[in-house]
Amino acid sequence: MKLNLISLYPYKLLRTTHIKNGVIFCIFRGLSTVDIAMNFLSHYYFDREATDCYFILGTVLPDLLKNADKNIILHPEKLHHPNPAINSIINGWNKHLDVDRYFHSSNFFATHSHQLKLLLGPVIEGSPVKPFFLGHIAIELILDNLLITTGKITVSDFYDHLKNCDNKVIEEFLTFAGLKDNTVFFRFYEGFKKSGYLHTYEETQQIAYALKRICMRIWQDPFTPTHENLMNAVLSDYREQLLPQFMTIYTEIEGKLIAK
C-alpha cells in the first residue's frame, strides 16, 4: 500500500476534511518549526559513496520541496541544462523517483507497514490517528534509524553534501524547472540544514517522537503520555526484530537500480 502524504509541512492542521484512496485531505496553517520526518537517509544510502553534492541534493530534493510547500509541483525529469551541476540535480531527482517506486511497491514495505499498523493500532486506542498512517511512516523511520545505528551511513556526511551546494545553482535549477518564487523553499531549506534534525534518529526513542511530530501537523494532541510510552515499546521491539533482515530491502532496490 502506498500512502500519499498531503500538506504535512510546514503547516499545522486546522481541520481534516476526508480520506480517499489512502490520501488524507486537510486544511492547514503555517508552522515555523523545521523538525521533519521522512526517509531522507534511506535515499542517501544508495549514493553514500558519491562525491557530487548536487547529485546527492537531487536524490532528496523532491521531498525537501514537498515539505517546504505542498503547492510546489515540479517535473524536471526530462530536462537538460548546459550547467553540469544542474544536470546532476536532475539525475539525482530521477534516482529519487526510482527508489520511491521500488520501495513502495515492494513486499517488504507492504508486509512491515501492515504489521506495524496491527501492532500500533491497539496501543493508540482512543487516538484520532489512523493506524495505517503510523505503519507507513514508522517503517521508514525505523529503517533510517537502523542505517545510522549500524554504521551504514553517517548523517554528518549527508549534511556536508547539502552544505557544499551553492544556493545560486539550486536557485538556477528551480527557475529552470519552473518555480517562480523560491522564497518559501529556501527559508525551509536553510532551517533544515541548520537544525541537523536527522541526527536525532540515532536515538531509537526518537522514532516515536518523530511520529508524534508528524501527527501533530494533522491531528491536535494526537497522543496521551500513555500512548507515547506504549508506542516507544512497540517500535523498539519491532526495530530489534527487523535488525537482522532490514538490509534485504536495500539489496533488492540496488538490484533493480542496476538492472534498470
C-alpha atoms as a PDB file:
ATOM      1  CA  MET A   1       0.000   0.000   0.000  1.00  0.00           C
ATOM      2  CA  LYS A   2       1.274   3.460  -0.831  1.00  0.00           C
ATOM      3  CA  LEU A   3       0.203   6.323   1.384  1.00  0.00           C
ATOM      4  CA  ASN A   4       0.353   9.779  -0.137  1.00  0.00           C
ATOM      5  CA  LEU A   5       1.165  12.476   2.397  1.00  0.00           C
ATOM      6  CA  ILE A   6      -0.555  15.755   1.595  1.00  0.00           C
ATOM      7  CA  SER A   7       0.228  19.065   3.332  1.00  0.00           C
ATOM      8  CA  LEU A   8       2.324  17.717   6.183  1.00  0.00           C
ATOM      9  CA  TYR A   9       4.908  20.503   6.448  1.00  0.00           C
ATOM     10  CA  PRO A  10       5.293  23.371   7.207  1.00  0.00           C
ATOM     11  CA  TYR A  11       1.628  23.535   8.158  1.00  0.00           C
ATOM     12  CA  LYS A  12      -0.476  22.774  11.206  1.00  0.00           C
ATOM     13  CA  LEU A  13      -3.919  21.274  10.967  1.00  0.00           C
ATOM     14  CA  LEU A  14      -6.981  23.465  11.041  1.00  0.00           C
ATOM     15  CA  ARG A  15      -9.257  20.561  10.147  1.00  0.00           C
ATOM     16  CA  THR A  16      -9.239  17.190   8.375  1.00  0.00           C
ATOM     17  CA  THR A  17     -11.708  17.084   5.514  1.00  0.00           C
ATOM     18  CA  HIS A  18     -11.701  13.457   4.380  1.00  0.00           C
ATOM     19  CA  ILE A  19      -9.616  10.403   3.476  1.00  0.00           C
ATOM     20  CA  LYS A  20      -9.799   8.968  -0.025  1.00  0.00           C
ATOM     21  CA  ASN A  21      -7.672   6.216  -1.573  1.00  0.00           C
ATOM     22  CA  GLY A  22      -5.053   6.480   1.165  1.00  0.00           C
ATOM     23  CA  VAL A  23      -4.771  10.268   0.822  1.00  0.00           C
ATOM     24  CA  ILE A  24      -5.520  12.421   3.858  1.00  0.00           C
ATOM     25  CA  PHE A  25      -7.001  15.766   2.806  1.00  0.00           C
ATOM     26  CA  CYS A  26      -6.560  18.544   5.337  1.00  0.00           C
ATOM     27  CA  ILE A  27      -6.631  22.313   5.747  1.00  0.00           C
ATOM     28  CA  PHE A  28      -3.532  23.747   7.438  1.00  0.00           C
ATOM     29  CA  ARG A  29      -1.967  26.944   8.690  1.00  0.00           C
ATOM     30  CA  GLY A  30       1.749  27.716   8.586  1.00  0.00           C
ATOM     31  CA  LEU A  31       4.342  26.478  11.080  1.00  0.00           C
ATOM     32  CA  SER A  32       7.867  27.743  11.678  1.00  0.00           C
ATOM     33  CA  THR A  33       9.366  24.530  13.053  1.00  0.00           C
ATOM     34  CA  VAL A  34      11.942  22.647  10.973  1.00  0.00           C
ATOM     35  CA  ASP A  35      11.752  19.218  12.568  1.00  0.00           C
ATOM     36  CA  ILE A  36      10.586  16.837   9.885  1.00  0.00           C
ATOM     37  CA  ALA A  37      10.458  13.121   9.399  1.00  0.00           C
ATOM     38  CA  MET A  38      10.835  11.475   6.045  1.00  0.00           C
ATOM     39  CA  ASN A  39      13.209   8.859   4.710  1.00  0.00           C
ATOM     40  CA  PHE A  40      15.948  11.210   3.516  1.00  0.00           C
ATOM     41  CA  LEU A  41      18.635   8.911   4.846  1.00  0.00           C
ATOM     42  CA  SER A  42      17.337   5.838   3.045  1.00  0.00           C
ATOM     43  CA  HIS A  43      17.588   7.788  -0.206  1.00  0.00           C
ATOM     44  CA  TYR A  44      21.089   8.901   0.724  1.00  0.00           C
ATOM     45  CA  TYR A  45      22.189   5.319   1.418  1.00  0.00           C
ATOM     46  CA  PHE A  46      22.206   4.366  -2.262  1.00  0.00           C
ATOM     47  CA  ASP A  47      24.693   7.118  -3.108  1.00  0.00           C
ATOM     48  CA  ARG A  48      26.613   7.384   0.161  1.00  0.00           C
ATOM     49  CA  GLU A  49      29.913   6.973  -1.700  1.00  0.00           C
ATOM     50  CA  ALA A  50      29.131   9.669  -4.265  1.00  0.00           C
ATOM     51  CA  THR A  51      31.213  12.849  -4.296  1.00  0.00           C
ATOM     52  CA  ASP A  52      28.867  15.046  -6.339  1.00  0.00           C
ATOM     53  CA  CYS A  53      26.959  17.140  -3.797  1.00  0.00           C
ATOM     54  CA  TYR A  54      24.446  18.278  -6.421  1.00  0.00           C
ATOM     55  CA  PHE A  55      23.536  14.695  -7.283  1.00  0.00           C
ATOM     56  CA  ILE A  56      23.054  13.950  -3.570  1.00  0.00           C
ATOM     57  CA  LEU A  57      20.855  17.024  -3.239  1.00  0.00           C
ATOM     58  CA  GLY A  58      18.797  15.827  -6.191  1.00  0.00           C
ATOM     59  CA  THR A  59      18.139  12.481  -4.516  1.00  0.00           C
ATOM     60  CA  VAL A  60      16.302  14.208  -1.662  1.00  0.00           C
ATOM     61  CA  LEU A  61      15.110  17.412  -3.317  1.00  0.00           C
ATOM     62  CA  PRO A  62      11.608  16.143  -4.221  1.00  0.00           C
ATOM     63  CA  ASP A  63      10.909  15.533  -0.522  1.00  0.00           C
ATOM     64  CA  LEU A  64      12.564  18.780   0.556  1.00  0.00           C
ATOM     65  CA  LEU A  65      10.318  20.711  -1.820  1.00  0.00           C
ATOM     66  CA  LYS A  66       7.222  18.791  -0.718  1.00  0.00           C
ATOM     67  CA  ASN A  67       7.986  19.566   2.904  1.00  0.00           C
ATOM     68  CA  ALA A  68       8.715  23.216   2.210  1.00  0.00           C
ATOM     69  CA  ASP A  69       5.485  23.890   0.311  1.00  0.00           C
ATOM     70  CA  LYS A  70       2.860  21.355  -0.704  1.00  0.00           C
ATOM     71  CA  ASN A  71       1.926  23.572  -3.661  1.00  0.00           C
ATOM     72  CA  ILE A  72       5.317  23.166  -5.343  1.00  0.00           C
ATOM     73  CA  ILE A  73       4.911  20.646  -8.147  1.00  0.00           C
ATOM     74  CA  LEU A  74       7.876  20.277 -10.484  1.00  0.00           C
ATOM     75  CA  HIS A  75       8.611  17.736 -13.200  1.00  0.00           C
ATOM     76  CA  PRO A  76      12.221  18.243 -14.331  1.00  0.00           C
ATOM     77  CA  GLU A  77      12.688  14.545 -15.164  1.00  0.00           C
ATOM     78  CA  LYS A  78      13.360  15.062 -18.886  1.00  0.00           C
ATOM     79  CA  LEU A  79      15.065  18.444 -18.744  1.00  0.00           C
ATOM     80  CA  HIS A  80      18.674  19.046 -19.797  1.00  0.00           C
ATOM     81  CA  HIS A  81      20.777  22.076 -18.907  1.00  0.00           C
ATOM     82  CA  PRO A  82      24.197  23.274 -20.110  1.00  0.00           C
ATOM     83  CA  ASN A  83      25.367  23.518 -16.481  1.00  0.00           C
ATOM     84  CA  PRO A  84      26.610  20.051 -15.372  1.00  0.00           C
ATOM     85  CA  ALA A  85      25.707  20.794 -11.741  1.00  0.00           C
ATOM     86  CA  ILE A  86      22.066  21.349 -12.665  1.00  0.00           C
ATOM     87  CA  ASN A  87      22.040  18.160 -14.707  1.00  0.00           C
ATOM     88  CA  SER A  88      23.398  16.362 -11.631  1.00  0.00           C
ATOM     89  CA  ILE A  89      20.424  17.616  -9.625  1.00  0.00           C
ATOM     90  CA  ILE A  90      18.081  16.340 -12.340  1.00  0.00           C
ATOM     91  CA  ASN A  91      19.814  12.945 -12.390  1.00  0.00           C
ATOM     92  CA  GLY A  92      19.554  12.723  -8.612  1.00  0.00           C
ATOM     93  CA  TRP A  93      15.885  13.681  -8.810  1.00  0.00           C
ATOM     94  CA  ASN A  94      15.236  10.810 -11.209  1.00  0.00           C
ATOM     95  CA  LYS A  95      17.093   8.429  -8.880  1.00  0.00           C
ATOM     96  CA  HIS A  96      14.791   9.520  -6.065  1.00  0.00           C
ATOM     97  CA  LEU A  97      11.719   8.660  -8.128  1.00  0.00           C
ATOM     98  CA  ASP A  98      13.116   5.226  -8.965  1.00  0.00           C
ATOM     99  CA  VAL A  99      13.919   4.409  -5.324  1.00  0.00           C
ATOM    100  CA  ASP A 100      10.484   5.549  -4.161  1.00  0.00           C
ATOM    101  CA  ARG A 101       8.776   3.445  -6.798  1.00  0.00           C
ATOM    102  CA  TYR A 102      10.754   0.304  -5.983  1.00  0.00           C
ATOM    103  CA  PHE A 103      10.366   0.733  -2.226  1.00  0.00           C
ATOM    104  CA  HIS A 104       6.640   1.411  -2.104  1.00  0.00           C
ATOM    105  CA  SER A 105       5.857  -1.433  -4.497  1.00  0.00           C
ATOM    106  CA  SER A 106       7.948  -3.971  -2.554  1.00  0.00           C
ATOM    107  CA  ASN A 107       6.638  -6.860  -0.488  1.00  0.00           C
ATOM    108  CA  PHE A 108       8.946  -5.672   2.292  1.00  0.00           C
ATOM    109  CA  PHE A 109       7.142  -2.353   2.576  1.00  0.00           C
ATOM    110  CA  ALA A 110       3.678  -3.892   2.288  1.00  0.00           C
ATOM    111  CA  THR A 111       4.443  -6.524   4.930  1.00  0.00           C
ATOM    112  CA  HIS A 112       6.135  -4.350   7.539  1.00  0.00           C
ATOM    113  CA  SER A 113       3.903  -1.300   7.227  1.00  0.00           C
ATOM    114  CA  HIS A 114       0.925  -3.638   7.699  1.00  0.00           C
ATOM    115  CA  GLN A 115       2.465  -5.400  10.698  1.00  0.00           C
ATOM    116  CA  LEU A 116       3.253  -2.070  12.343  1.00  0.00           C
ATOM    117  CA  LYS A 117      -0.300  -0.935  11.691  1.00  0.00           C
ATOM    118  CA  LEU A 118      -1.591  -4.029  13.507  1.00  0.00           C
ATOM    119  CA  LEU A 119       0.808  -3.582  16.426  1.00  0.00           C
ATOM    120  CA  LEU A 120       0.335   0.163  16.860  1.00  0.00           C
ATOM    121  CA  GLY A 121      -3.456   0.162  16.492  1.00  0.00           C
ATOM    122  CA  PRO A 122      -4.248  -1.295  19.941  1.00  0.00           C
ATOM    123  CA  VAL A 123      -1.729   0.888  21.800  1.00  0.00           C
ATOM    124  CA  ILE A 124      -3.166   4.148  20.431  1.00  0.00           C
ATOM    125  CA  GLU A 125      -6.782   3.276  21.185  1.00  0.00           C
ATOM    126  CA  GLY A 126      -8.746   6.488  21.626  1.00  0.00           C
ATOM    127  CA  SER A 127      -6.357   8.494  19.447  1.00  0.00           C
ATOM    128  CA  PRO A 128      -7.669  10.142  16.257  1.00  0.00           C
ATOM    129  CA  VAL A 129      -4.583   8.939  14.384  1.00  0.00           C
ATOM    130  CA  LYS A 130      -5.157   6.241  11.796  1.00  0.00           C
ATOM    131  CA  PRO A 131      -3.004   3.122  12.390  1.00  0.00           C
ATOM    132  CA  PHE A 132      -2.289   2.664   8.667  1.00  0.00           C
ATOM    133  CA  PHE A 133      -0.787   6.159   8.646  1.00  0.00           C
ATOM    134  CA  LEU A 134       1.520   5.254  11.534  1.00  0.00           C
ATOM    135  CA  GLY A 135       2.513   1.978   9.922  1.00  0.00           C
ATOM    136  CA  HIS A 136       3.595   3.676   6.711  1.00  0.00           C
ATOM    137  CA  ILE A 137       5.700   6.328   8.416  1.00  0.00           C
ATOM    138  CA  ALA A 138       7.058   4.074  11.167  1.00  0.00           C
ATOM    139  CA  ILE A 139       8.737   1.589   8.838  1.00  0.00           C
ATOM    140  CA  GLU A 140      10.517   4.404   7.009  1.00  0.00           C
ATOM    141  CA  LEU A 141      11.746   5.943  10.260  1.00  0.00           C
ATOM    142  CA  ILE A 142      12.887   2.601  11.664  1.00  0.00           C
ATOM    143  CA  LEU A 143      14.895   1.955   8.506  1.00  0.00           C
ATOM    144  CA  ASP A 144      16.595   5.343   8.748  1.00  0.00           C
ATOM    145  CA  ASN A 145      17.413   4.654  12.405  1.00  0.00           C
ATOM    146  CA  LEU A 146      18.899   1.251  11.542  1.00  0.00           C
ATOM    147  CA  LEU A 147      21.071   2.707   8.792  1.00  0.00           C
ATOM    148  CA  ILE A 148      22.568   5.126  11.309  1.00  0.00           C
ATOM    149  CA  THR A 149      22.904   2.835  14.316  1.00  0.00           C
ATOM    150  CA  THR A 150      24.507   0.018  12.309  1.00  0.00           C
ATOM    151  CA  GLY A 151      27.032   2.380  10.729  1.00  0.00           C
ATOM    152  CA  LYS A 152      25.761   2.035   7.167  1.00  0.00           C
ATOM    153  CA  ILE A 153      25.678   5.821   6.758  1.00  0.00           C
ATOM    154  CA  THR A 154      26.980   8.907   8.539  1.00  0.00           C
ATOM    155  CA  VAL A 155      24.455  11.688   8.990  1.00  0.00           C
ATOM    156  CA  SER A 156      27.091  14.437   9.094  1.00  0.00           C
ATOM    157  CA  ASP A 157      28.329  13.347   5.645  1.00  0.00           C
ATOM    158  CA  PHE A 158      24.809  13.805   4.288  1.00  0.00           C
ATOM    159  CA  TYR A 159      24.573  17.312   5.719  1.00  0.00           C
ATOM    160  CA  ASP A 160      28.065  18.145   4.416  1.00  0.00           C
ATOM    161  CA  HIS A 161      26.913  17.385   0.884  1.00  0.00           C
ATOM    162  CA  LEU A 162      23.982  19.771   1.233  1.00  0.00           C
ATOM    163  CA  LYS A 163      26.192  22.496   2.717  1.00  0.00           C
ATOM    164  CA  ASN A 164      28.633  22.175  -0.182  1.00  0.00           C
ATOM    165  CA  CYS A 165      25.933  23.037  -2.720  1.00  0.00           C
ATOM    166  CA  ASP A 166      25.862  26.633  -3.948  1.00  0.00           C
ATOM    167  CA  ASN A 167      22.420  28.146  -3.419  1.00  0.00           C
ATOM    168  CA  LYS A 168      22.811  30.050  -6.694  1.00  0.00           C
ATOM    169  CA  VAL A 169      22.982  26.741  -8.547  1.00  0.00           C
ATOM    170  CA  ILE A 170      19.942  25.445  -6.667  1.00  0.00           C
ATOM    171  CA  GLU A 171      18.077  28.649  -7.478  1.00  0.00           C
ATOM    172  CA  GLU A 172      19.009  28.298 -11.152  1.00  0.00           C
ATOM    173  CA  PHE A 173      17.704  24.724 -11.151  1.00  0.00           C
ATOM    174  CA  LEU A 174      14.425  25.712  -9.517  1.00  0.00           C
ATOM    175  CA  THR A 175      13.898  28.515 -12.013  1.00  0.00           C
ATOM    176  CA  PHE A 176      14.778  26.218 -14.902  1.00  0.00           C
ATOM    177  CA  ALA A 177      12.286  23.646 -13.577  1.00  0.00           C
ATOM    178  CA  GLY A 178       9.526  26.256 -13.488  1.00  0.00           C
ATOM    179  CA  LEU A 179       9.418  27.514  -9.886  1.00  0.00           C
ATOM    180  CA  LYS A 180       8.687  31.233  -9.956  1.00  0.00           C
ATOM    181  CA  ASP A 181       9.108  32.032  -6.261  1.00  0.00           C
ATOM    182  CA  ASN A 182      11.666  30.093  -4.226  1.00  0.00           C
ATOM    183  CA  THR A 183      11.394  32.149  -1.019  1.00  0.00           C
ATOM    184  CA  VAL A 184       9.463  29.536   0.957  1.00  0.00           C
ATOM    185  CA  PHE A 185      11.747  26.735  -0.158  1.00  0.00           C
ATOM    186  CA  PHE A 186      14.976  28.459   0.814  1.00  0.00           C
ATOM    187  CA  ARG A 187      13.579  29.507   4.181  1.00  0.00           C
ATOM    188  CA  PHE A 188      12.762  25.871   4.878  1.00  0.00           C
ATOM    189  CA  TYR A 189      16.000  24.541   3.359  1.00  0.00           C
ATOM    190  CA  GLU A 190      18.259  26.769   5.423  1.00  0.00           C
ATOM    191  CA  GLY A 191      16.387  25.772   8.572  1.00  0.00           C
ATOM    192  CA  PHE A 192      16.639  22.106   7.623  1.00  0.00           C
ATOM    193  CA  LYS A 193      20.415  22.320   7.294  1.00  0.00           C
ATOM    194  CA  LYS A 194      20.866  24.393  10.424  1.00  0.00           C
ATOM    195  CA  SER A 195      18.716  22.217  12.670  1.00  0.00           C
ATOM    196  CA  GLY A 196      20.522  18.955  11.900  1.00  0.00           C
ATOM    197  CA  TYR A 197      17.306  17.223  12.948  1.00  0.00           C
ATOM    198  CA  LEU A 198      18.180  13.913  11.298  1.00  0.00           C
ATOM    199  CA  HIS A 199      20.922  13.421  13.891  1.00  0.00           C
ATOM    200  CA  THR A 200      18.170  12.698  16.419  1.00  0.00           C
ATOM    201  CA  TYR A 201      17.368   9.466  14.566  1.00  0.00           C
ATOM    202  CA  GLU A 202      20.440   7.981  16.243  1.00  0.00           C
ATOM    203  CA  GLU A 203      18.250   7.507  19.321  1.00  0.00           C
ATOM    204  CA  THR A 204      15.613   4.822  18.921  1.00  0.00           C
ATOM    205  CA  GLN A 205      13.116   6.627  21.160  1.00  0.00           C
ATOM    206  CA  GLN A 206      13.175   9.500  18.694  1.00  0.00           C
ATOM    207  CA  ILE A 207      11.240   7.348  16.218  1.00  0.00           C
ATOM    208  CA  ALA A 208       8.126   7.712  18.348  1.00  0.00           C
ATOM    209  CA  TYR A 209       8.839  11.403  18.827  1.00  0.00           C
ATOM    210  CA  ALA A 210       9.156  11.920  15.075  1.00  0.00           C
ATOM    211  CA  LEU A 211       5.861  10.102  14.551  1.00  0.00           C
ATOM    212  CA  LYS A 212       4.235  12.342  17.107  1.00  0.00           C
ATOM    213  CA  ARG A 213       5.543  15.480  15.398  1.00  0.00           C
ATOM    214  CA  ILE A 214       4.139  14.377  12.054  1.00  0.00           C
ATOM    215  CA  CYS A 215       0.788  13.541  13.588  1.00  0.00           C
ATOM    216  CA  MET A 216       0.649  16.932  15.323  1.00  0.00           C
ATOM    217  CA  ARG A 217       0.593  18.520  11.871  1.00  0.00           C
ATOM    218  CA  ILE A 218      -2.609  16.641  11.135  1.00  0.00           C
ATOM    219  CA  TRP A 219      -4.275  15.974  14.488  1.00  0.00           C
ATOM    220  CA  GLN A 220      -4.133  18.257  17.510  1.00  0.00           C
ATOM    221  CA  ASP A 221      -2.863  16.465  20.656  1.00  0.00           C
ATOM    222  CA  PRO A 222      -2.768  13.088  18.890  1.00  0.00           C
ATOM    223  CA  PHE A 223      -1.368  11.017  21.771  1.00  0.00           C
ATOM    224  CA  THR A 224      -1.517  10.821  25.548  1.00  0.00           C
ATOM    225  CA  PRO A 225       1.689  10.108  27.532  1.00  0.00           C
ATOM    226  CA  THR A 226       0.480   6.511  27.879  1.00  0.00           C
ATOM    227  CA  HIS A 227       0.114   6.240  24.097  1.00  0.00           C
ATOM    228  CA  GLU A 228       3.651   7.537  23.640  1.00  0.00           C
ATOM    229  CA  ASN A 229       5.160   5.097  26.123  1.00  0.00           C
ATOM    230  CA  LEU A 230       3.389   2.153  24.534  1.00  0.00           C
ATOM    231  CA  MET A 231       4.392   3.292  21.037  1.00  0.00           C
ATOM    232  CA  ASN A 232       8.011   3.501  22.143  1.00  0.00           C
ATOM    233  CA  ALA A 233       7.863  -0.074  23.393  1.00  0.00           C
ATOM    234  CA  VAL A 234       6.295  -1.370  20.162  1.00  0.00           C
ATOM    235  CA  LEU A 235       8.739   0.490  17.919  1.00  0.00           C
ATOM    236  CA  SER A 236      11.788  -0.538  19.930  1.00  0.00           C
ATOM    237  CA  ASP A 237      10.739  -4.185  19.848  1.00  0.00           C
ATOM    238  CA  TYR A 238       9.980  -4.074  16.134  1.00  0.00           C
ATOM    239  CA  ARG A 239      13.324  -2.432  15.438  1.00  0.00           C
ATOM    240  CA  GLU A 240      15.082  -5.317  17.164  1.00  0.00           C
ATOM    241  CA  GLN A 241      13.102  -7.867  15.145  1.00  0.00           C
ATOM    242  CA  LEU A 242      13.909  -6.051  11.903  1.00  0.00           C
ATOM    243  CA  LEU A 243      17.613  -5.615  12.647  1.00  0.00           C
ATOM    244  CA  PRO A 244      18.849  -8.960  11.224  1.00  0.00           C
ATOM    245  CA  GLN A 245      16.960  -8.577   7.938  1.00  0.00           C
ATOM    246  CA  PHE A 246      16.489  -4.873   7.233  1.00  0.00           C
ATOM    247  CA  MET A 247      19.245  -4.694   4.612  1.00  0.00           C
ATOM    248  CA  THR A 248      17.303  -7.029   2.320  1.00  0.00           C
ATOM    249  CA  ILE A 249      15.182  -4.162   1.031  1.00  0.00           C
ATOM    250  CA  TYR A 250      18.256  -2.109   0.165  1.00  0.00           C
ATOM    251  CA  THR A 251      19.812  -5.073  -1.624  1.00  0.00           C
ATOM    252  CA  GLU A 252      16.568  -5.602  -3.534  1.00  0.00           C
ATOM    253  CA  ILE A 253      16.332  -1.973  -4.597  1.00  0.00           C
ATOM    254  CA  GLU A 254      20.012  -1.829  -5.550  1.00  0.00           C
ATOM    255  CA  GLY A 255      19.476  -4.820  -7.814  1.00  0.00           C
ATOM    256  CA  LYS A 256      16.563  -3.113  -9.527  1.00  0.00           C
ATOM    257  CA  LEU A 257      18.529   0.099  -9.948  1.00  0.00           C
ATOM    258  CA  ILE A 258      21.400  -1.776 -11.580  1.00  0.00           C
ATOM    259  CA  ALA A 259      19.048  -3.697 -13.870  1.00  0.00           C
ATOM    260  CA  LYS A 260      17.162  -0.568 -14.931  1.00  0.00           C
END
